[in-house]
């Protein structure tokens, strides 16, 4: 069982930056692939970025590549999402997930956090 807690969301102006954090409870958390997704009201959960135990294996959606960066600190059981050049359409609840494979499909993730709200004003 892996318990995930996201933080770092908030209100930011367009063009600004935020860094989200996701802390995993399990000592074995470093074995899991980690992913970030977002979900806007009335929409499906959308893949943003994922990485394996080494952030060198990062994988991004086309919509965020070049703006968002995923990283992880296995000593702290924490994965980060650095978000730059934010746009109003990035407004959503952001979730981290833990799974057994680096994937863009939410079905591949076994554990999810409660989410953190990101609001980008124009």
N, C-alpha and C. Protein backbone atom coordinates (compact mmCIF):
# COMPACT_ATOMS: atom_id res chain seq x y z
N UNK A 1 0.85 -1.19 0.00
CA UNK A 1 0.00 0.00 0.00
C UNK A 1 0.89 1.25 0.00
N UNK A 2 0.58 2.19 -0.86
CA UNK A 2 1.32 3.45 -0.95
C UNK A 2 0.34 4.60 -0.74
N UNK A 3 0.64 5.43 0.23
CA UNK A 3 -0.19 6.62 0.48
C UNK A 3 0.53 7.83 -0.08
N UNK A 4 -0.17 8.60 -0.93
CA UNK A 4 0.43 9.75 -1.61
C UNK A 4 -0.25 11.04 -1.16
N UNK A 5 0.55 12.06 -0.93
CA UNK A 5 0.02 13.37 -0.54
C UNK A 5 0.65 14.44 -1.40
N UNK A 6 -0.20 15.15 -2.17
CA UNK A 6 0.28 16.24 -3.01
C UNK A 6 0.19 17.56 -2.26
N UNK A 7 1.06 18.49 -2.66
CA UNK A 7 1.01 19.85 -2.12
C UNK A 7 1.64 20.80 -3.13
N UNK A 8 1.48 22.09 -2.89
CA UNK A 8 2.13 23.08 -3.73
C UNK A 8 1.22 23.79 -4.70
N UNK A 9 -0.04 23.38 -4.77
CA UNK A 9 -0.96 24.07 -5.65
C UNK A 9 -1.30 25.44 -5.13
N UNK A 10 -2.02 26.21 -5.95
CA UNK A 10 -2.42 27.54 -5.53
C UNK A 10 -2.87 28.36 -6.71
N UNK A 11 -2.95 29.66 -6.48
CA UNK A 11 -3.37 30.61 -7.51
C UNK A 11 -2.13 31.32 -8.05
N UNK A 12 -2.00 31.35 -9.37
CA UNK A 12 -0.85 32.00 -9.99
C UNK A 12 -1.32 32.71 -11.25
N UNK A 13 -0.64 33.77 -11.62
CA UNK A 13 -0.98 34.47 -12.85
C UNK A 13 -0.40 33.74 -14.06
N UNK A 14 -1.01 33.95 -15.20
CA UNK A 14 -0.52 33.36 -16.44
C UNK A 14 0.94 33.76 -16.65
N UNK A 15 1.74 32.79 -17.07
CA UNK A 15 3.17 33.02 -17.24
C UNK A 15 4.00 32.69 -16.01
N UNK A 16 3.32 32.47 -14.90
CA UNK A 16 4.01 32.18 -13.65
C UNK A 16 4.39 30.72 -13.52
N UNK A 17 4.93 30.38 -12.35
CA UNK A 17 5.43 29.03 -12.09
C UNK A 17 4.93 28.51 -10.75
N UNK A 18 4.83 27.21 -10.66
CA UNK A 18 4.54 26.52 -9.41
C UNK A 18 5.34 25.23 -9.39
N UNK A 19 5.66 24.76 -8.19
CA UNK A 19 6.27 23.44 -8.04
C UNK A 19 5.39 22.60 -7.13
N UNK A 20 4.90 21.52 -7.69
CA UNK A 20 4.10 20.58 -6.93
C UNK A 20 4.99 19.50 -6.34
N UNK A 21 4.60 19.02 -5.17
CA UNK A 21 5.31 17.93 -4.52
C UNK A 21 4.34 16.80 -4.23
N UNK A 22 4.85 15.60 -4.25
CA UNK A 22 4.05 14.42 -3.90
C UNK A 22 4.92 13.52 -3.03
N UNK A 23 4.50 13.36 -1.79
CA UNK A 23 5.25 12.54 -0.85
C UNK A 23 4.57 11.19 -0.73
N UNK A 24 5.37 10.14 -0.85
CA UNK A 24 4.86 8.78 -0.76
C UNK A 24 5.21 8.19 0.60
N UNK A 25 4.28 7.44 1.18
CA UNK A 25 4.47 6.95 2.54
C UNK A 25 5.33 5.71 2.62
N UNK A 26 5.27 4.86 1.62
CA UNK A 26 5.89 3.54 1.73
C UNK A 26 7.40 3.60 1.57
N UNK A 27 8.10 2.75 2.33
CA UNK A 27 9.55 2.69 2.17
C UNK A 27 9.93 2.15 0.82
N UNK A 28 9.02 1.41 0.19
CA UNK A 28 9.30 0.84 -1.13
C UNK A 28 8.87 1.76 -2.26
N UNK A 29 8.51 3.01 -1.92
CA UNK A 29 7.97 3.92 -2.93
C UNK A 29 8.93 4.13 -4.08
N UNK A 30 10.25 4.08 -3.80
CA UNK A 30 11.22 4.34 -4.86
C UNK A 30 11.16 3.29 -5.96
N UNK A 31 10.52 2.14 -5.70
CA UNK A 31 10.41 1.11 -6.73
C UNK A 31 9.33 1.43 -7.75
N UNK A 32 8.47 2.37 -7.44
CA UNK A 32 7.33 2.64 -8.29
C UNK A 32 7.64 3.70 -9.34
N UNK A 33 7.03 3.54 -10.51
CA UNK A 33 6.97 4.63 -11.46
C UNK A 33 5.98 5.66 -10.92
N UNK A 34 6.27 6.92 -11.14
CA UNK A 34 5.41 7.99 -10.64
C UNK A 34 4.93 8.84 -11.79
N UNK A 35 3.69 9.25 -11.72
CA UNK A 35 3.13 10.08 -12.78
C UNK A 35 2.34 11.24 -12.23
N UNK A 36 2.26 12.29 -13.02
CA UNK A 36 1.40 13.44 -12.71
C UNK A 36 0.31 13.54 -13.75
N UNK A 37 -0.90 13.77 -13.27
CA UNK A 37 -2.07 13.94 -14.11
C UNK A 37 -2.82 15.18 -13.63
N UNK A 38 -3.70 15.69 -14.48
CA UNK A 38 -4.57 16.77 -14.04
C UNK A 38 -5.99 16.47 -14.52
N UNK A 39 -6.94 17.07 -13.83
CA UNK A 39 -8.34 16.88 -14.20
C UNK A 39 -9.10 18.17 -13.98
N UNK A 40 -9.62 18.71 -15.07
CA UNK A 40 -10.45 19.91 -15.01
C UNK A 40 -11.91 19.49 -14.87
N UNK A 41 -12.76 20.36 -14.36
CA UNK A 41 -14.18 20.00 -14.19
C UNK A 41 -14.80 19.53 -15.49
N UNK A 42 -15.48 18.39 -15.44
CA UNK A 42 -16.17 17.87 -16.60
C UNK A 42 -15.30 17.17 -17.61
N UNK A 43 -14.00 17.04 -17.29
CA UNK A 43 -13.06 16.40 -18.22
C UNK A 43 -12.45 15.16 -17.60
N UNK A 44 -11.88 14.31 -18.45
CA UNK A 44 -11.19 13.12 -17.97
C UNK A 44 -9.82 13.49 -17.41
N UNK A 45 -9.30 12.58 -16.59
CA UNK A 45 -7.96 12.77 -16.05
C UNK A 45 -6.96 12.71 -17.20
N UNK A 46 -6.09 13.72 -17.26
CA UNK A 46 -5.17 13.89 -18.38
C UNK A 46 -3.73 13.68 -17.93
N UNK A 47 -3.00 12.90 -18.70
CA UNK A 47 -1.61 12.63 -18.39
C UNK A 47 -0.75 13.86 -18.67
N UNK A 48 0.22 14.09 -17.76
CA UNK A 48 1.16 15.20 -17.93
C UNK A 48 2.59 14.69 -18.05
N UNK A 49 3.05 13.93 -17.06
CA UNK A 49 4.45 13.51 -17.02
C UNK A 49 4.59 12.28 -16.13
N UNK A 50 5.62 11.48 -16.41
CA UNK A 50 5.88 10.30 -15.60
C UNK A 50 7.36 9.99 -15.64
N UNK A 51 7.83 9.28 -14.62
CA UNK A 51 9.23 8.84 -14.61
C UNK A 51 9.35 7.56 -13.83
N UNK A 52 10.42 6.81 -14.11
CA UNK A 52 10.73 5.60 -13.37
C UNK A 52 11.51 5.95 -12.12
N UNK A 53 12.23 4.96 -11.57
CA UNK A 53 12.96 5.21 -10.33
C UNK A 53 14.02 6.28 -10.56
N UNK A 54 14.47 6.40 -11.79
CA UNK A 54 15.39 7.47 -12.15
C UNK A 54 14.65 8.48 -13.00
N UNK A 55 14.69 9.74 -12.63
CA UNK A 55 13.99 10.77 -13.41
C UNK A 55 14.58 10.91 -14.80
N UNK A 56 15.70 10.23 -15.07
CA UNK A 56 16.25 10.26 -16.40
C UNK A 56 15.37 9.54 -17.40
N UNK A 57 14.42 8.76 -16.91
CA UNK A 57 13.51 8.04 -17.80
C UNK A 57 12.20 8.79 -17.94
N UNK A 58 12.22 10.11 -17.85
CA UNK A 58 11.00 10.91 -17.87
C UNK A 58 10.29 10.86 -19.22
N UNK A 59 8.98 11.01 -19.16
CA UNK A 59 8.11 10.93 -20.34
C UNK A 59 7.03 11.98 -20.15
N UNK A 60 6.80 12.79 -21.19
CA UNK A 60 5.88 13.93 -21.08
C UNK A 60 4.81 13.88 -22.15
N UNK A 61 3.68 14.48 -21.84
CA UNK A 61 2.68 14.70 -22.88
C UNK A 61 3.14 15.85 -23.75
N UNK A 62 2.67 15.90 -24.97
CA UNK A 62 3.06 16.98 -25.88
C UNK A 62 2.62 18.34 -25.36
N UNK A 63 1.53 18.35 -24.60
CA UNK A 63 0.98 19.63 -24.16
C UNK A 63 1.85 20.33 -23.12
N UNK A 64 2.72 19.59 -22.43
CA UNK A 64 3.52 20.20 -21.37
C UNK A 64 5.02 20.09 -21.59
N UNK A 65 5.45 19.30 -22.57
CA UNK A 65 6.89 19.13 -22.78
C UNK A 65 7.52 20.49 -23.08
N UNK A 66 8.61 20.77 -22.36
CA UNK A 66 9.27 22.06 -22.48
C UNK A 66 8.81 23.07 -21.46
N UNK A 67 7.65 22.86 -20.85
CA UNK A 67 7.15 23.77 -19.80
C UNK A 67 7.20 23.12 -18.42
N UNK A 68 6.93 21.83 -18.35
CA UNK A 68 6.89 21.11 -17.07
C UNK A 68 8.08 20.15 -16.99
N UNK A 69 8.57 19.95 -15.77
CA UNK A 69 9.67 19.02 -15.54
C UNK A 69 9.35 18.16 -14.33
N UNK A 70 9.43 16.85 -14.52
CA UNK A 70 9.23 15.92 -13.42
C UNK A 70 10.59 15.53 -12.86
N UNK A 71 10.67 15.41 -11.55
CA UNK A 71 11.90 14.97 -10.90
C UNK A 71 11.51 14.21 -9.64
N UNK A 72 12.47 13.49 -9.07
CA UNK A 72 12.16 12.76 -7.85
C UNK A 72 13.39 12.69 -6.96
N UNK A 73 13.15 12.65 -5.68
CA UNK A 73 14.19 12.50 -4.68
C UNK A 73 13.82 11.23 -3.91
N UNK A 74 14.45 10.12 -4.26
CA UNK A 74 14.08 8.84 -3.66
C UNK A 74 14.43 8.79 -2.17
N UNK A 75 15.43 9.54 -1.76
CA UNK A 75 15.77 9.58 -0.34
C UNK A 75 14.65 10.20 0.48
N UNK A 76 13.87 11.06 -0.14
CA UNK A 76 12.75 11.72 0.54
C UNK A 76 11.40 11.14 0.12
N UNK A 77 11.43 10.11 -0.71
CA UNK A 77 10.17 9.52 -1.21
C UNK A 77 9.26 10.59 -1.82
N UNK A 78 9.85 11.51 -2.56
CA UNK A 78 9.10 12.65 -3.08
C UNK A 78 9.34 12.79 -4.57
N UNK A 79 8.25 13.08 -5.30
CA UNK A 79 8.33 13.41 -6.71
C UNK A 79 7.80 14.82 -6.88
N UNK A 80 8.41 15.55 -7.79
CA UNK A 80 8.07 16.96 -8.01
C UNK A 80 7.58 17.17 -9.43
N UNK A 81 6.80 18.22 -9.60
CA UNK A 81 6.44 18.69 -10.93
C UNK A 81 6.67 20.20 -10.96
N UNK A 82 7.72 20.60 -11.63
CA UNK A 82 8.00 22.02 -11.82
C UNK A 82 7.21 22.49 -13.03
N UNK A 83 6.36 23.48 -12.84
CA UNK A 83 5.50 23.97 -13.91
C UNK A 83 5.83 25.43 -14.20
N UNK A 84 6.27 25.69 -15.41
CA UNK A 84 6.62 27.04 -15.84
C UNK A 84 5.70 27.49 -16.96
N UNK A 85 5.70 28.78 -17.21
CA UNK A 85 4.89 29.35 -18.29
C UNK A 85 3.45 28.86 -18.23
N UNK A 86 2.87 28.94 -17.05
CA UNK A 86 1.52 28.43 -16.86
C UNK A 86 0.50 29.25 -17.64
N UNK A 87 -0.54 28.54 -18.09
CA UNK A 87 -1.60 29.13 -18.89
C UNK A 87 -2.94 28.95 -18.16
N UNK A 88 -3.92 29.79 -18.45
CA UNK A 88 -5.23 29.61 -17.81
C UNK A 88 -5.81 28.21 -18.04
N UNK A 89 -5.53 27.62 -19.20
CA UNK A 89 -6.04 26.27 -19.49
C UNK A 89 -5.35 25.17 -18.69
N UNK A 90 -4.31 25.53 -17.94
CA UNK A 90 -3.69 24.55 -17.03
C UNK A 90 -4.47 24.44 -15.72
N UNK A 91 -5.47 25.27 -15.54
CA UNK A 91 -6.27 25.23 -14.32
C UNK A 91 -6.96 23.87 -14.18
N UNK A 92 -6.71 23.21 -13.06
CA UNK A 92 -7.23 21.85 -12.83
C UNK A 92 -6.81 21.40 -11.44
N UNK A 93 -7.32 20.24 -11.06
CA UNK A 93 -6.78 19.53 -9.89
C UNK A 93 -5.67 18.62 -10.38
N UNK A 94 -4.54 18.68 -9.70
CA UNK A 94 -3.37 17.91 -10.11
C UNK A 94 -3.17 16.73 -9.16
N UNK A 95 -2.98 15.56 -9.75
CA UNK A 95 -2.84 14.33 -8.98
C UNK A 95 -1.52 13.65 -9.29
N UNK A 96 -0.93 13.02 -8.30
CA UNK A 96 0.19 12.13 -8.58
C UNK A 96 -0.28 10.69 -8.38
N UNK A 97 0.32 9.81 -9.14
CA UNK A 97 -0.02 8.40 -9.07
C UNK A 97 1.24 7.56 -9.00
N UNK A 98 1.11 6.38 -8.42
CA UNK A 98 2.22 5.42 -8.35
C UNK A 98 1.80 4.14 -9.04
N UNK A 99 2.67 3.63 -9.90
CA UNK A 99 2.36 2.40 -10.62
C UNK A 99 3.60 1.60 -10.90
N UNK A 100 3.43 0.53 -11.63
CA UNK A 100 4.54 -0.38 -11.89
C UNK A 100 5.22 -0.12 -13.22
N UNK A 101 4.71 0.82 -14.00
CA UNK A 101 5.31 1.13 -15.29
C UNK A 101 5.16 2.60 -15.60
N UNK A 102 6.15 3.15 -16.28
CA UNK A 102 6.06 4.53 -16.73
C UNK A 102 5.05 4.57 -17.87
N UNK A 103 3.95 5.25 -17.66
CA UNK A 103 2.86 5.17 -18.63
C UNK A 103 2.05 6.45 -18.63
N UNK A 104 1.38 6.70 -19.76
CA UNK A 104 0.50 7.84 -19.86
C UNK A 104 -0.95 7.48 -19.63
N UNK A 105 -1.23 6.24 -19.34
CA UNK A 105 -2.60 5.76 -19.12
C UNK A 105 -2.86 5.69 -17.62
N UNK A 106 -3.88 6.41 -17.18
CA UNK A 106 -4.19 6.44 -15.75
C UNK A 106 -4.52 5.05 -15.21
N UNK A 107 -5.00 4.16 -16.08
CA UNK A 107 -5.35 2.80 -15.65
C UNK A 107 -4.14 2.02 -15.17
N UNK A 108 -2.94 2.47 -15.55
CA UNK A 108 -1.71 1.76 -15.18
C UNK A 108 -1.22 2.12 -13.78
N UNK A 109 -1.91 3.06 -13.11
CA UNK A 109 -1.46 3.51 -11.80
C UNK A 109 -2.35 2.88 -10.73
N UNK A 110 -1.72 2.39 -9.68
CA UNK A 110 -2.43 1.67 -8.64
C UNK A 110 -2.82 2.55 -7.47
N UNK A 111 -2.08 3.62 -7.25
CA UNK A 111 -2.32 4.48 -6.08
C UNK A 111 -2.37 5.93 -6.52
N UNK A 112 -3.23 6.69 -5.84
CA UNK A 112 -3.42 8.11 -6.17
C UNK A 112 -3.46 8.94 -4.89
N UNK A 113 -2.99 10.19 -5.03
CA UNK A 113 -3.16 11.14 -3.95
C UNK A 113 -4.53 11.79 -4.03
N UNK A 114 -4.78 12.73 -3.12
CA UNK A 114 -6.08 13.39 -3.06
C UNK A 114 -6.18 14.58 -4.01
N UNK A 115 -5.06 15.01 -4.55
CA UNK A 115 -5.05 16.10 -5.50
C UNK A 115 -4.77 17.45 -4.87
N UNK A 116 -4.26 18.36 -5.67
CA UNK A 116 -4.03 19.73 -5.24
C UNK A 116 -4.50 20.66 -6.36
N UNK A 117 -5.22 21.72 -5.98
CA UNK A 117 -5.82 22.61 -6.97
C UNK A 117 -4.79 23.61 -7.48
N UNK A 118 -4.74 23.75 -8.80
CA UNK A 118 -3.93 24.79 -9.45
C UNK A 118 -4.88 25.68 -10.24
N UNK A 119 -4.82 26.96 -9.98
CA UNK A 119 -5.64 27.92 -10.69
C UNK A 119 -4.74 28.98 -11.31
N UNK A 120 -4.87 29.15 -12.62
CA UNK A 120 -4.05 30.12 -13.35
C UNK A 120 -4.96 31.22 -13.86
N UNK A 121 -4.73 32.43 -13.41
CA UNK A 121 -5.56 33.56 -13.81
C UNK A 121 -4.97 34.23 -15.04
N UNK A 122 -5.84 34.81 -15.85
CA UNK A 122 -5.38 35.47 -17.08
C UNK A 122 -5.06 36.92 -16.84
